Amino acid sequence: MSFPSDLEIAQAAHIAPLSEIATQLGLGDDVLEPYGRTVAKIDLSALQQVQDRPRGKYVVVTAITPTPLGEGKTTTSVGLAQAMKHIGKVGLLALRQPSMGPTFGIKGGAAGGGYSQVIPMEILNLHLTGDFHAVTAAHNLLAAMVDNHLHHGNALGLSVKNITWKRVLDVNDRSLRNVIIGLGPKEDGVERESGFDITAASEVMALLALATSMEDLRARLGRIVVGYTENKVAVTAEQIGCAGAMAVILRDAIKPNLMQTLENTPALIHTGPFGNIATGNSSVIADKLGIHMCDYLITEAGFGADMGAERFFNIKCRVSGMVPDAAVLVATVRALKAHSGQYKVVAGKPLPPEMLQESPDDVRAGATNLAKQIENVKAHGVSPVVAINAFPTDHPSEHAAIKEIAEALGARVAICTHFADGGAGAVELAEAVVAACDEESRFEFLYPDDASLKEKIYAVATRIYGAANVEYSEIAEEQLAMFDANGFSHLPVCIAKTHLSISGDPALKGAPTGHTLQVREVRASVGAGFIYPICGAMRTMPGLGSDPAALHIDIGPDGRVVGLF
């Protein structure tokens, strides 16, 4: 008998009434705003209601450097939260909402997998409560206001060639990466070059994830830099006069969404910043709410520990003031074999058959990546727990090799079968996490606020990426000087690079050292509150492959979604 698809499992699940899910968290109907029968928003007044409750433990789920197929962080997060109930603890999830770009592209859905999913998975993956569309609308309103300002005389002196604010769309569309707008007669606007990013890469999405209140959100929107004058002076959304209207559009999007897992464990789903460009973490508001409603709040950081976790530690925790108690590092046999350099893994294609043969030596050859990511977690004073996300094609000797290596580096290890077994398959992981959380926290940031931008970049590049030095293009040097002149140097850095290597070069596997991080340009997300250097050929608008998931998604005769994976 074949294993059912994620969608089949999700559609066959028992969905508990939202009132029961809210009761688990001690939330009353007075703070719930239902969106249909299976999702509700939580009013921000709940933040005040829970402040006097005890604080739970704070756990971030990250990973080794993934293959293009991903290694199951979301599935592991869900499995771990479900497992807490199995050991008598109250677990709560805080996860990002998936972008519809990858859902209809190559990745598919992002609700977890197997018997460790957030449900209803089709609602989670498709629109949810409209937060992504609100971000899109707010972002594009500012773009329209910028062009309107140009059309009506440009009183602020914006340099047309130095406008940094593009438009966004929650669709993978490479044809929109570079566009010319304002074509036609004079009344159709000012002709200039521009482009589109995917909504998940919007600064509005990033600042929504980092906002601590409606007041803070409004202030962050005002600080957005839309471009610069000829004298390189920043022009903001507040000056354009658009920040207030943007806040109005986002007045519901700032509220976290309440859902549940297959085992009826509560889940807070909120925001979805791009993992390569932005923080790759769910919202600060969801975490500040959730930490007072459970024993263990489990959240996820995008991509490997060199990416999402580093940003979680140095940006999100800096904003929230919350200190993590443990970090789960998801590892798979297939990813470590890929890091041996002997196999090529291509998204959308089956693994090479020889990669599935028993070979603990291949695992050991790629384990330098695991060792480095353990080191990256420990660099922030956080206790690591390695979760071996087991696949049916794995061999016990390969799991034993991972366990031996991780334990030798001082990390706890658990073998997990949550995909097939749900929460019961992550009990060992839950027990290891509880033990790690009981250790004294020694959390520390990688760099101080008052370090220069170059010092911050160097700290991340050398301590987290294993680089020997950092080189800047001429334009990157000019941009850093401009940001310093505009008073942005106090901001943390969010380095945009490939997620397929600890370095800035996707071809370098394992844990490369001695390389040079090449910074080709630097952008400022002042409203979100970070500077992001761009390394390599980063895309802020993905494209569709030759066989996108959209080709296989449809509506069945009974009105149910089919083909979503």
Protein backbone atom coordinates (compact mmCIF):
# COMPACT_ATOMS: atom_id res chain seq x y z
CA MET A 1 0.00 0.00 0.00
CA SER A 2 1.44 3.37 -1.02
CA PHE A 3 1.87 6.21 1.47
CA PRO A 4 -0.88 8.80 1.06
CA SER A 5 -0.03 12.26 -0.24
CA ASP A 6 0.25 15.23 2.12
CA LEU A 7 -3.00 16.62 0.73
CA GLU A 8 -4.83 13.29 1.17
CA ILE A 9 -3.65 13.07 4.78
CA ALA A 10 -4.67 16.67 5.48
CA GLN A 11 -8.11 16.34 3.89
CA ALA A 12 -8.84 13.18 5.91
CA ALA A 13 -7.92 14.81 9.23
CA HIS A 14 -10.22 15.66 12.11
CA ILE A 15 -10.29 19.44 12.46
CA ALA A 16 -11.16 20.48 16.00
CA PRO A 17 -13.35 23.56 16.54
CA LEU A 18 -11.22 26.68 16.86
CA SER A 19 -12.74 27.35 20.27
CA GLU A 20 -11.12 24.12 21.51
CA ILE A 21 -7.76 25.15 20.07
CA ALA A 22 -8.05 28.59 21.68
CA THR A 23 -8.98 27.02 25.02
CA GLN A 24 -5.70 25.08 25.01
CA LEU A 25 -3.98 28.48 24.96
CA GLY A 26 -6.25 30.15 27.49
CA LEU A 27 -7.74 32.48 24.87
CA GLY A 28 -11.38 33.54 25.02
CA ASP A 29 -13.80 34.34 22.21
CA ASP A 30 -13.33 38.04 22.93
CA VAL A 31 -9.93 38.03 21.15
CA LEU A 32 -10.79 35.66 18.29
CA GLU A 33 -11.84 36.96 14.87
CA PRO A 34 -12.97 33.90 12.84
CA TYR A 35 -12.12 33.62 9.15
CA GLY A 36 -14.42 30.78 8.17
CA ARG A 37 -14.53 27.66 10.35
CA THR A 38 -10.85 26.70 10.49
CA VAL A 39 -8.83 29.92 10.90
CA ALA A 40 -9.10 32.90 13.21
CA LYS A 41 -7.13 36.06 13.76
CA ILE A 42 -6.09 36.96 17.28
CA ASP A 43 -6.71 40.55 18.30
CA LEU A 44 -3.63 42.36 19.60
CA SER A 45 -5.39 43.01 22.90
CA ALA A 46 -4.48 39.39 23.73
CA LEU A 47 -0.89 40.56 24.20
CA GLN A 48 -1.91 42.48 27.30
CA GLN A 49 -4.12 39.66 28.56
CA VAL A 50 -1.26 37.15 28.67
CA GLN A 51 1.64 39.33 29.86
CA ASP A 52 1.34 38.28 33.49
CA ARG A 53 1.38 34.57 32.70
CA PRO A 54 4.60 32.53 33.13
CA ARG A 55 7.00 32.51 30.22
CA GLY A 56 7.49 29.25 28.33
CA LYS A 57 10.72 28.00 26.81
CA TYR A 58 11.75 29.41 23.41
CA VAL A 59 12.99 26.96 20.76
CA VAL A 60 14.13 27.79 17.22
CA VAL A 61 14.27 25.09 14.54
CA THR A 62 17.01 25.51 11.94
CA ALA A 63 19.05 23.13 9.78
CA ILE A 64 22.30 22.18 8.15
CA THR A 65 22.77 23.65 4.68
CA PRO A 66 19.92 22.11 2.69
CA THR A 67 19.78 20.46 -0.69
CA PRO A 68 17.47 22.14 -3.25
CA LEU A 69 14.78 19.70 -2.04
CA GLY A 70 14.75 21.02 1.53
CA GLU A 71 15.35 18.88 4.62
CA GLY A 72 12.05 19.14 6.48
CA LYS A 73 12.39 21.98 9.00
CA THR A 74 8.68 22.77 8.96
CA THR A 75 7.73 19.10 9.23
CA THR A 76 10.16 18.73 12.13
CA SER A 77 8.78 21.85 13.84
CA VAL A 78 5.25 20.47 13.58
CA GLY A 79 6.32 17.01 14.73
CA LEU A 80 8.16 18.47 17.72
CA ALA A 81 5.17 20.60 18.77
CA GLN A 82 2.90 17.56 18.50
CA ALA A 83 5.38 15.43 20.47
CA MET A 84 5.22 17.81 23.43
CA LYS A 85 1.68 16.60 24.17
CA HIS A 86 2.98 13.01 24.16
CA ILE A 87 5.35 13.82 27.04
CA GLY A 88 2.86 15.88 29.03
CA LYS A 89 3.92 19.34 27.88
CA VAL A 90 2.03 22.12 26.11
CA GLY A 91 3.65 22.87 22.76
CA LEU A 92 2.79 25.76 20.46
CA LEU A 93 3.97 26.46 16.92
CA ALA A 94 4.85 29.87 15.48
CA LEU A 95 5.49 29.57 11.74
CA ARG A 96 5.66 31.69 8.60
CA GLN A 97 2.87 31.70 6.05
CA PRO A 98 3.96 30.20 2.71
CA SER A 99 4.25 32.38 -0.38
CA MET A 100 2.08 31.32 -3.30
CA GLY A 101 5.08 31.86 -5.58
CA PRO A 102 6.87 28.67 -4.46
CA THR A 103 3.52 26.90 -3.93
CA PHE A 104 2.75 27.21 -7.65
CA GLY A 105 6.43 26.98 -8.59
CA ILE A 106 8.87 24.22 -7.71
CA LYS A 107 8.67 23.85 -3.94
CA GLY A 108 4.99 23.17 -3.49
CA GLY A 109 3.20 23.72 -0.21
CA ALA A 110 4.89 24.58 3.06
CA ALA A 111 2.52 23.26 5.69
CA GLY A 112 4.83 20.47 6.87
CA GLY A 113 4.42 16.95 5.51
CA GLY A 114 3.09 13.47 6.14
CA TYR A 115 1.55 13.21 9.61
CA SER A 116 3.20 16.41 10.82
CA GLN A 117 1.26 19.18 9.07
CA VAL A 118 -0.65 22.36 9.78
CA ILE A 119 -4.23 22.06 8.58
CA PRO A 120 -6.18 22.84 6.49
CA MET A 121 -3.05 22.77 4.32
CA GLU A 122 -4.76 24.10 1.20
CA ILE A 123 -6.02 27.16 3.10
CA LEU A 124 -2.59 27.74 4.64
CA ASN A 125 -0.89 27.56 1.24
CA LEU A 126 -3.51 29.53 -0.70
CA HIS A 127 -4.38 33.03 0.55
CA LEU A 128 -5.07 32.14 4.24
CA THR A 129 -6.58 35.37 5.63
CA GLY A 130 -5.22 37.63 2.91
CA ASP A 131 -2.14 38.91 4.77
CA PHE A 132 0.11 38.52 1.72
CA HIS A 133 -2.35 40.46 -0.41
CA ALA A 134 -2.49 43.22 2.20
CA VAL A 135 1.31 43.46 2.12
CA THR A 136 1.21 43.54 -1.68
CA ALA A 137 -1.41 46.31 -1.65
CA ALA A 138 0.43 48.42 0.94
CA HIS A 139 3.74 48.05 -0.88
CA ASN A 140 2.27 48.93 -4.28
CA LEU A 141 0.34 51.89 -2.88
CA LEU A 142 3.67 53.39 -1.86
CA ALA A 143 5.08 52.67 -5.34
CA ALA A 144 2.09 54.44 -6.89
CA MET A 145 2.51 57.39 -4.53
CA VAL A 146 6.21 57.69 -5.42
CA ASP A 147 5.41 57.82 -9.13
CA ASN A 148 2.58 60.23 -8.48
CA HIS A 149 5.01 62.47 -6.60
CA LEU A 150 7.32 62.47 -9.63
CA HIS A 151 4.42 63.22 -11.96
CA HIS A 152 3.32 66.23 -9.92
CA GLY A 153 6.63 68.02 -9.83
CA ASN A 154 8.95 65.98 -7.57
CA ALA A 155 9.08 68.53 -4.75
CA LEU A 156 11.38 66.29 -2.69
CA GLY A 157 13.98 66.15 -5.45
CA LEU A 158 14.03 62.37 -5.87
CA SER A 159 16.65 61.25 -8.36
CA VAL A 160 14.83 59.14 -10.95
CA LYS A 161 17.90 56.92 -11.24
CA ASN A 162 18.09 56.46 -7.46
CA ILE A 163 14.56 55.29 -6.72
CA THR A 164 14.90 51.97 -4.87
CA TRP A 165 11.23 51.15 -4.28
CA LYS A 166 9.91 48.64 -6.83
CA ARG A 167 6.54 46.87 -6.99
CA VAL A 168 5.72 43.38 -5.73
CA LEU A 169 3.52 40.43 -6.66
CA ASP A 170 3.02 37.04 -4.94
CA VAL A 171 3.72 35.15 -8.15
CA ASN A 172 6.93 33.75 -9.63
CA ASP A 173 7.28 35.88 -12.78
CA ARG A 174 10.78 36.42 -14.18
CA SER A 175 9.42 38.66 -16.97
CA LEU A 176 8.70 41.35 -14.39
CA ARG A 177 12.19 41.49 -12.89
CA ASN A 178 13.09 44.47 -15.05
CA VAL A 179 10.43 46.72 -16.60
CA ILE A 180 10.01 50.20 -18.01
CA ILE A 181 7.07 52.08 -16.56
CA GLY A 182 5.42 55.37 -17.48
CA LEU A 183 5.32 54.69 -21.22
CA GLY A 184 2.85 56.69 -23.26
CA PRO A 185 1.76 60.34 -23.13
CA LYS A 186 2.81 62.70 -20.34
CA GLU A 187 -0.36 62.09 -18.31
CA ASP A 188 0.63 58.40 -17.98
CA GLY A 189 3.53 59.17 -15.69
CA VAL A 190 7.32 59.58 -15.72
CA GLU A 191 9.11 57.07 -17.88
CA ARG A 192 11.78 55.17 -15.94
CA GLU A 193 13.27 51.75 -15.32
CA SER A 194 11.88 49.72 -12.45
CA GLY A 195 10.88 46.13 -11.67
CA PHE A 196 8.97 43.70 -9.47
CA ASP A 197 10.01 41.58 -6.50
CA ILE A 198 8.02 38.73 -5.01
CA THR A 199 5.85 39.82 -2.09
CA ALA A 200 7.84 37.73 0.38
CA ALA A 201 10.87 39.91 -0.48
CA SER A 202 9.00 43.14 0.26
CA GLU A 203 10.37 45.34 3.00
CA VAL A 204 6.76 45.73 4.14
CA MET A 205 6.64 41.98 4.81
CA ALA A 206 9.94 42.15 6.72
CA LEU A 207 8.87 45.07 8.89
CA LEU A 208 5.49 43.47 9.55
CA ALA A 209 7.38 40.43 10.86
CA LEU A 210 9.56 42.60 13.12
CA ALA A 211 6.94 45.06 14.38
CA THR A 212 6.09 44.82 18.09
CA SER A 213 2.80 46.75 18.01
CA MET A 214 0.54 48.75 15.70
CA GLU A 215 2.32 51.92 16.83
CA ASP A 216 5.69 50.38 16.03
CA LEU A 217 4.41 49.19 12.64
CA ARG A 218 3.27 52.71 11.77
CA ALA A 219 6.66 54.14 12.73
CA ARG A 220 8.54 51.52 10.71
CA LEU A 221 6.43 52.23 7.63
CA GLY A 222 7.33 55.91 7.91
CA ARG A 223 11.07 55.07 7.96
CA ILE A 224 10.99 53.14 4.66
CA VAL A 225 13.48 54.69 2.24
CA VAL A 226 12.04 54.89 -1.28
CA GLY A 227 15.07 56.48 -2.91
CA TYR A 228 17.64 59.25 -2.73
CA THR A 229 18.13 62.79 -4.00
CA GLU A 230 20.97 63.78 -6.32
CA ASN A 231 22.87 64.68 -3.14
CA LYS A 232 22.31 61.12 -1.82
CA VAL A 233 19.90 62.16 0.91
CA ALA A 234 17.31 59.50 1.75
CA VAL A 235 13.63 60.15 0.98
CA THR A 236 11.14 58.26 3.15
CA ALA A 237 7.58 56.99 2.93
CA GLU A 238 6.68 59.52 5.65
CA GLN A 239 7.88 62.34 3.39
CA ILE A 240 5.92 60.92 0.47
CA GLY A 241 2.85 60.98 2.76
CA CYS A 242 1.93 57.32 2.37
CA ALA A 243 2.84 55.64 5.66
CA GLY A 244 -0.51 56.26 7.33
CA ALA A 245 -2.52 54.77 4.48
CA MET A 246 -0.20 51.76 4.39
CA ALA A 247 -0.80 51.19 8.11
CA VAL A 248 -4.55 51.24 7.51
CA ILE A 249 -4.20 48.53 4.85
CA LEU A 250 -2.18 46.40 7.30
CA ARG A 251 -4.47 46.88 10.33
CA ASP A 252 -5.72 43.27 10.12
CA ALA A 253 -2.54 41.73 8.68
CA ILE A 254 -0.66 42.59 11.89
CA LYS A 255 -2.85 40.12 13.82
CA PRO A 256 -1.49 36.54 14.02
CA ASN A 257 -3.53 33.69 12.53
CA LEU A 258 -4.60 30.74 14.71
CA MET A 259 -4.62 27.28 13.12
CA GLN A 260 -3.89 23.70 14.25
CA THR A 261 -1.86 20.63 13.37
CA LEU A 262 -3.07 17.16 12.43
CA GLU A 263 -2.99 16.29 16.15
CA ASN A 264 -4.88 19.48 17.06
CA THR A 265 -1.82 21.25 18.47
CA PRO A 266 -2.24 25.06 18.22
CA ALA A 267 -0.26 26.93 15.58
CA LEU A 268 0.29 30.68 15.14
CA ILE A 269 0.87 31.44 11.45
CA HIS A 270 2.07 34.95 10.75
CA THR A 271 4.07 36.78 8.06
CA GLY A 272 6.42 35.24 5.52
CA PRO A 273 9.62 37.21 4.84
CA PHE A 274 11.90 35.82 2.14
CA GLY A 275 14.64 33.63 3.57
CA ASN A 276 17.40 34.75 1.17
CA ILE A 277 16.81 38.49 1.28
CA ALA A 278 15.05 39.18 4.57
CA THR A 279 14.98 37.56 7.99
CA GLY A 280 13.20 34.33 7.00
CA ASN A 281 11.38 34.23 10.36
CA SER A 282 7.76 34.48 11.50
CA SER A 283 6.56 37.49 13.44
CA VAL A 284 7.82 38.96 16.68
CA ILE A 285 4.20 39.61 17.71
CA ALA A 286 3.28 35.92 17.37
CA ASP A 287 6.29 34.93 19.49
CA LYS A 288 5.63 37.56 22.17
CA LEU A 289 2.05 36.32 22.37
CA GLY A 290 2.81 32.62 22.18
CA ILE A 291 5.60 32.51 24.76
CA HIS A 292 3.03 33.15 27.52
CA MET A 293 0.54 30.53 26.34
CA CYS A 294 2.58 27.30 26.40
CA ASP A 295 5.41 25.37 27.96
CA TYR A 296 7.45 25.32 24.74
CA LEU A 297 7.12 27.80 21.89
CA ILE A 298 8.59 26.29 18.75
CA THR A 299 9.43 28.55 15.83
CA GLU A 300 11.34 28.03 12.59
CA ALA A 301 14.09 29.99 10.85
CA GLY A 302 14.51 29.72 7.08
CA PHE A 303 17.24 27.68 5.38
CA GLY A 304 20.40 26.68 7.31
CA ALA A 305 21.79 27.95 10.61
CA ASP A 306 24.09 30.30 8.67
CA MET A 307 20.99 32.00 7.21
CA GLY A 308 17.66 32.06 9.10
CA ALA A 309 19.09 31.17 12.50
CA GLU A 310 21.82 33.81 12.33
CA ARG A 311 19.14 36.39 11.49
CA PHE A 312 16.86 35.02 14.20
CA PHE A 313 19.64 35.50 16.75
CA ASN A 314 21.02 38.84 15.61
CA ILE A 315 17.95 40.62 14.21
CA LYS A 316 14.73 39.08 15.52
CA CYS A 317 15.96 38.50 19.08
CA ARG A 318 17.51 41.98 19.12
CA VAL A 319 14.09 43.46 18.30
CA SER A 320 11.96 41.22 20.51
CA GLY A 321 14.22 41.07 23.56
CA MET A 322 13.43 37.36 23.77
CA VAL A 323 16.24 34.90 24.45
CA PRO A 324 16.20 31.40 22.90
CA ASP A 325 16.58 28.42 25.21
CA ALA A 326 17.59 25.85 22.59
CA ALA A 327 18.03 25.37 18.85
CA VAL A 328 17.02 22.28 16.88
CA LEU A 329 19.34 21.59 13.95
CA VAL A 330 17.62 19.42 11.32
CA ALA A 331 19.96 17.08 9.45
CA THR A 332 19.31 14.42 6.82
CA VAL A 333 21.41 11.65 5.41
CA ARG A 334 20.80 12.86 1.86
CA ALA A 335 21.96 16.41 2.61
CA LEU A 336 25.17 15.27 4.28
CA LYS A 337 25.87 12.93 1.37
CA ALA A 338 25.35 15.89 -0.97
CA HIS A 339 27.89 17.87 1.06
CA SER A 340 30.45 15.13 0.43
CA GLY A 341 30.69 16.66 -3.06
CA GLN A 342 30.09 13.31 -4.76
CA TYR A 343 26.46 13.79 -5.76
CA LYS A 344 24.41 16.43 -7.55
CA VAL A 345 20.89 17.07 -6.27
CA VAL A 346 18.54 18.93 -8.62
CA ALA A 347 15.21 20.38 -7.53
CA GLY A 348 12.27 18.57 -9.11
CA LYS A 349 14.34 15.50 -10.06
CA PRO A 350 14.81 12.16 -8.21
CA LEU A 351 17.94 11.66 -6.12
CA PRO A 352 20.82 9.88 -7.92
CA PRO A 353 20.28 6.11 -7.31
CA GLU A 354 23.83 5.63 -6.02
CA MET A 355 23.10 8.25 -3.35
CA LEU A 356 20.56 5.88 -1.81
CA GLN A 357 23.10 3.09 -1.28
CA GLU A 358 24.34 2.51 2.27
CA SER A 359 27.44 4.63 2.84
CA PRO A 360 28.24 6.01 6.31
CA ASP A 361 31.56 7.13 4.81
CA ASP A 362 29.72 9.53 2.49
CA VAL A 363 27.83 10.87 5.49
CA ARG A 364 31.07 11.43 7.39
CA ALA A 365 32.59 13.13 4.34
CA GLY A 366 29.77 15.68 4.33
CA ALA A 367 29.58 16.04 8.10
CA THR A 368 31.87 19.06 8.10
CA ASN A 369 28.70 21.03 7.28
CA LEU A 370 26.92 19.62 10.32
CA ALA A 371 29.91 20.42 12.50
CA LYS A 372 30.05 24.01 11.25
CA GLN A 373 26.33 24.58 11.77
CA ILE A 374 26.59 23.22 15.32
CA GLU A 375 29.44 25.68 15.81
CA ASN A 376 27.27 28.50 14.38
CA VAL A 377 24.53 27.80 16.93
CA LYS A 378 27.02 27.57 19.80
CA ALA A 379 28.62 30.87 18.70
CA HIS A 380 25.47 32.53 20.02
CA GLY A 381 25.57 30.61 23.32
CA VAL A 382 22.58 28.41 22.44
CA SER A 383 22.33 24.67 23.16
CA PRO A 384 22.00 22.66 19.90
CA VAL A 385 19.88 19.54 19.43
CA VAL A 386 20.43 17.64 16.18
CA ALA A 387 17.21 16.19 14.78
CA ILE A 388 17.93 13.44 12.26
CA ASN A 389 14.93 13.63 9.95
CA ALA A 390 14.79 9.98 8.90
CA PHE A 391 13.80 8.91 5.40
CA PRO A 392 12.82 5.33 4.39
CA THR A 393 15.92 5.20 2.16
CA ASP A 394 18.28 5.83 5.11
CA HIS A 395 20.34 3.10 6.75
CA PRO A 396 20.92 2.64 10.51
CA SER A 397 24.69 2.88 10.02
CA GLU A 398 24.24 6.32 8.49
CA HIS A 399 22.14 7.55 11.41
CA ALA A 400 24.77 6.15 13.77
CA ALA A 401 27.48 8.15 11.96
CA ILE A 402 25.54 11.40 12.36
CA LYS A 403 24.86 10.66 16.04
CA GLU A 404 28.52 9.90 16.74
CA ILE A 405 29.73 13.11 15.08
CA ALA A 406 27.13 15.38 16.69
CA GLU A 407 27.57 13.99 20.20
CA ALA A 408 31.34 14.38 19.92
CA LEU A 409 30.69 18.10 19.31
CA GLY A 410 28.55 18.42 22.42
CA ALA A 411 25.13 18.33 20.76
CA ARG A 412 22.18 16.20 21.79
CA VAL A 413 20.83 13.95 19.03
CA ALA A 414 17.45 12.40 18.27
CA ILE A 415 16.29 10.23 15.36
CA CYS A 416 12.88 11.38 14.18
CA THR A 417 10.11 9.64 12.24
CA HIS A 418 7.47 12.33 12.64
CA PHE A 419 6.68 12.38 8.90
CA ALA A 420 5.31 8.84 9.10
CA ASP A 421 4.39 8.66 12.78
CA GLY A 422 3.33 12.19 13.73
CA GLY A 423 4.10 13.40 17.24
CA ALA A 424 4.94 9.89 18.45
CA GLY A 425 7.86 9.88 16.01
CA ALA A 426 9.40 12.99 17.61
CA VAL A 427 9.14 12.03 21.29
CA GLU A 428 12.89 11.40 21.50
CA LEU A 429 13.45 14.87 20.03
CA ALA A 430 11.00 16.48 22.46
CA GLU A 431 12.80 14.91 25.43
CA ALA A 432 16.16 16.13 24.13
CA VAL A 433 14.78 19.65 23.64
CA VAL A 434 13.38 19.72 27.18
CA ALA A 435 16.81 18.71 28.52
CA ALA A 436 18.57 21.36 26.41
CA CYS A 437 16.15 24.06 27.58
CA ASP A 438 16.93 23.20 31.20
CA GLU A 439 20.54 24.28 30.69
CA GLU A 440 21.49 27.82 31.70
CA SER A 441 21.13 30.22 28.81
CA ARG A 442 24.33 31.96 27.68
CA PHE A 443 22.86 33.74 24.68
CA GLU A 444 24.88 36.52 23.06
CA PHE A 445 24.75 38.55 19.85
CA LEU A 446 27.46 38.17 17.27
CA TYR A 447 28.22 41.90 17.16
CA PRO A 448 27.25 45.09 19.04
CA ASP A 449 24.89 47.74 17.70
CA ASP A 450 27.63 50.35 17.57
CA ALA A 451 29.96 48.34 15.32
CA SER A 452 30.34 49.72 11.79
CA LEU A 453 28.45 48.07 8.95
CA LYS A 454 31.69 46.62 7.60
CA GLU A 455 32.56 45.26 11.05
CA LYS A 456 29.15 43.58 11.27
CA ILE A 457 29.47 42.05 7.80
CA TYR A 458 32.99 40.84 8.62
CA ALA A 459 31.81 39.24 11.87
CA VAL A 460 29.11 37.22 10.10
CA ALA A 461 31.34 36.35 7.13
CA THR A 462 34.29 35.11 9.19
CA ARG A 463 32.59 33.59 12.24
CA ILE A 464 29.52 32.07 10.55
CA TYR A 465 30.49 31.55 6.88
CA GLY A 466 34.13 30.58 7.40
CA ALA A 467 35.36 33.37 5.10
CA ALA A 468 38.88 34.76 5.36
CA ASN A 469 37.91 38.25 4.22
CA VAL A 470 35.26 40.38 2.53
CA GLU A 471 35.61 42.30 -0.73
CA TYR A 472 33.28 45.06 -1.89
CA SER A 473 32.46 46.24 -5.40
CA GLU A 474 32.86 49.94 -6.15
CA ILE A 475 29.09 50.46 -6.01
CA ALA A 476 28.85 48.58 -2.68
CA GLU A 477 31.50 50.90 -1.22
CA GLU A 478 29.53 53.93 -2.41
CA GLN A 479 26.30 52.57 -0.95
CA LEU A 480 27.86 51.86 2.44
CA ALA A 481 29.24 55.40 2.54
CA MET A 482 25.79 56.77 1.64
CA PHE A 483 24.10 54.71 4.37
CA ASP A 484 26.65 55.91 6.91
CA ALA A 485 26.04 59.51 5.88
CA ASN A 486 22.28 59.01 6.29
CA GLY A 487 22.68 57.57 9.81
CA PHE A 488 21.93 53.91 9.08
CA SER A 489 25.12 52.36 10.47
CA HIS A 490 23.52 51.35 13.78
CA LEU A 491 21.32 48.79 12.03
CA PRO A 492 22.11 45.06 12.02
CA VAL A 493 23.00 43.30 8.76
CA CYS A 494 21.02 40.66 6.90
CA ILE A 495 23.39 39.20 4.31
CA ALA A 496 21.63 38.03 1.15
CA LYS A 497 23.45 35.02 -0.26
CA THR A 498 22.85 31.53 -1.58
CA HIS A 499 21.16 29.10 0.80
CA LEU A 500 22.90 26.14 -0.86
CA SER A 501 26.30 26.79 0.71
CA ILE A 502 27.61 28.24 3.95
CA SER A 503 29.73 30.46 1.70
CA GLY A 504 28.48 32.90 -0.93
CA ASP A 505 29.21 30.36 -3.70
CA PRO A 506 26.56 27.62 -4.15
CA ALA A 507 29.18 25.29 -5.65
CA LEU A 508 31.16 25.13 -2.39
CA LYS A 509 29.79 22.27 -0.30
CA GLY A 510 30.59 21.06 3.20
CA ALA A 511 32.17 23.77 5.33
CA PRO A 512 34.52 25.77 3.10
CA THR A 513 37.11 28.04 4.71
CA GLY A 514 39.53 30.67 3.51
CA HIS A 515 37.19 32.00 0.82
CA THR A 516 36.35 35.63 0.15
CA LEU A 517 32.80 36.91 0.52
CA GLN A 518 32.06 39.12 -2.49
CA VAL A 519 29.59 41.92 -1.80
CA ARG A 520 28.30 43.25 -5.12
CA GLU A 521 25.76 45.75 -3.74
CA VAL A 522 24.17 46.84 -0.47
CA ARG A 523 20.54 47.81 0.09
CA ALA A 524 18.85 49.45 3.05
CA SER A 525 15.61 48.21 4.63
CA VAL A 526 15.45 51.04 7.12
CA GLY A 527 11.77 50.52 7.95
CA ALA A 528 12.37 46.84 8.66
CA GLY A 529 15.49 47.82 10.54
CA PHE A 530 18.41 46.16 8.74
CA ILE A 531 20.95 46.63 5.98
CA TYR A 532 21.27 43.81 3.47
CA PRO A 533 24.48 43.26 1.52
CA ILE A 534 23.90 41.18 -1.62
CA CYS A 535 26.44 38.50 -2.44
CA GLY A 536 26.36 36.72 -5.77
CA ALA A 537 23.49 36.53 -8.24
CA MET A 538 20.56 36.82 -5.86
CA ARG A 539 17.04 36.97 -7.28
CA THR A 540 14.26 38.82 -5.48
CA MET A 541 11.73 37.63 -8.08
CA PRO A 542 11.92 33.86 -8.74
CA GLY A 543 10.99 32.30 -12.08
CA LEU A 544 8.97 29.22 -12.96
CA GLY A 545 10.59 25.97 -14.08
CA SER A 546 9.70 23.79 -17.04
CA ASP A 547 7.23 21.80 -14.94
CA PRO A 548 5.81 24.20 -12.33
CA ALA A 549 3.48 22.89 -9.64
CA ALA A 550 0.73 25.10 -11.09
CA LEU A 551 0.39 22.64 -13.98
CA HIS A 552 -0.83 19.95 -11.58
CA ILE A 553 -3.13 21.90 -9.25
CA ASP A 554 -6.83 21.87 -9.96
CA ILE A 555 -10.33 21.68 -8.52
CA GLY A 556 -11.91 18.22 -8.32
CA PRO A 557 -15.59 17.40 -9.08
CA ASP A 558 -16.41 17.69 -5.36
CA GLY A 559 -14.87 21.16 -5.14
CA ARG A 560 -11.76 19.99 -3.31
CA VAL A 561 -8.26 21.09 -4.26
CA VAL A 562 -6.22 18.38 -5.99
CA GLY A 563 -2.55 18.22 -6.94
CA LEU A 564 -1.22 20.47 -4.18
CA PHE A 565 1.83 18.91 -2.57
